[in-house]
Protein backbone atom coordinates (compact mmCIF):
# COMPACT_ATOMS: atom_id res chain seq x y z
CA MET A 1 32.87 -14.31 -1.36
CA THR A 2 32.49 -12.70 2.05
CA LEU A 3 32.55 -9.25 0.49
CA VAL A 4 29.69 -10.22 -1.83
CA ILE A 5 27.55 -11.61 1.05
CA ALA A 6 28.21 -8.52 3.19
CA ALA A 7 27.27 -6.24 0.27
CA LEU A 8 24.02 -8.16 -0.35
CA MET A 9 23.16 -8.18 3.33
CA ALA A 10 23.71 -4.37 3.45
CA LEU A 11 21.35 -4.03 0.45
CA LEU A 12 18.79 -6.16 2.17
CA VAL A 13 18.94 -4.16 5.36
CA ALA A 14 18.64 -0.92 3.46
CA ALA A 15 15.66 -2.15 1.49
CA VAL A 16 13.89 -3.36 4.67
CA TRP A 17 14.68 0.00 6.43
CA TYR A 18 13.29 1.98 3.50
CA ALA A 19 10.16 -0.21 3.15
CA TYR A 20 9.52 0.06 6.91
CA GLY A 21 9.83 3.85 6.68
CA LEU A 22 7.39 4.04 3.82
CA TRP A 23 4.94 1.71 5.55
CA ASN A 24 4.82 3.93 8.60
CA ALA A 25 4.72 7.18 6.62
CA LEU A 26 1.62 6.28 4.55
CA GLU A 27 -1.83 6.33 5.90
CA SER A 28 -3.53 2.96 6.00
CA ALA A 29 -6.42 2.37 3.61
CA ASP A 30 -9.57 0.76 4.95
CA MET A 31 -10.59 -2.13 2.76
CA PRO A 32 -13.97 -3.71 2.88
CA THR A 33 -14.27 -7.33 3.93
CA TRP A 34 -15.14 -8.52 0.45
CA MET A 35 -11.84 -7.19 -0.85
CA TYR A 36 -9.91 -9.24 1.71
CA VAL A 37 -11.92 -12.28 0.73
CA ALA A 38 -11.30 -11.71 -2.96
CA MET A 39 -7.59 -11.14 -2.41
CA GLY A 40 -7.34 -14.35 -0.30
CA GLY A 41 -9.25 -16.32 -2.92
CA GLY A 42 -6.88 -15.07 -5.65
CA ILE A 43 -3.84 -16.02 -3.59
CA ILE A 44 -5.21 -19.50 -2.83
CA PHE A 45 -6.22 -20.06 -6.48
CA SER A 46 -2.76 -18.98 -7.69
CA LEU A 47 -1.07 -21.27 -5.22
CA ILE A 48 -3.23 -24.25 -6.20
CA ILE A 49 -2.63 -23.65 -9.93
CA GLY A 50 1.12 -23.14 -9.45
CA CYS A 51 1.56 -26.22 -7.21
CA GLY A 52 -0.56 -28.32 -9.58
CA LEU A 53 1.50 -27.28 -12.59
CA MET A 54 4.77 -27.97 -10.77
CA ALA A 55 3.44 -31.39 -9.74
CA LEU A 56 2.64 -32.14 -13.40
CA VAL A 57 6.18 -31.11 -14.40
CA PHE A 58 7.75 -33.44 -11.88
CA TYR A 59 5.34 -36.28 -12.72
CA SER A 60 6.12 -35.90 -16.46
CA ASN A 61 9.86 -35.91 -15.77
CA ARG A 62 9.81 -38.96 -13.51
CA GLN A 63 7.57 -40.98 -15.84
CA GLY A 64 9.89 -40.37 -18.77
CA TYR A 65 7.45 -38.53 -20.94
CA ASP A 66 10.00 -35.80 -21.59
CA ASP A 67 12.60 -38.37 -22.73
CA ARG A 68 10.29 -39.85 -25.37
CA ALA A 69 9.32 -36.41 -26.65
CA ASN A 70 12.97 -35.52 -27.05
CA ASP A 71 13.73 -38.59 -29.20
CA PHE A 72 11.96 -36.95 -32.17
CA HIS A 73 14.44 -34.09 -32.27
CA ASP A 74 17.59 -36.22 -32.68
């Protein structure tokens, strides 16, 4: 188990080192403000939709709606 964790940590360190090297090697692109606003809006919208759907899944499970739907397949 320790060998697996060590191998995964080595892969993580290598990936971060490679990504950092690429980040510094590439020139930064200047984005207009409206692009940052659009990107932020998309991120917030995706998080709201994802959290809302997960909340509905948990609500449905706790209220027993999934159990009643499964009775028809027996």
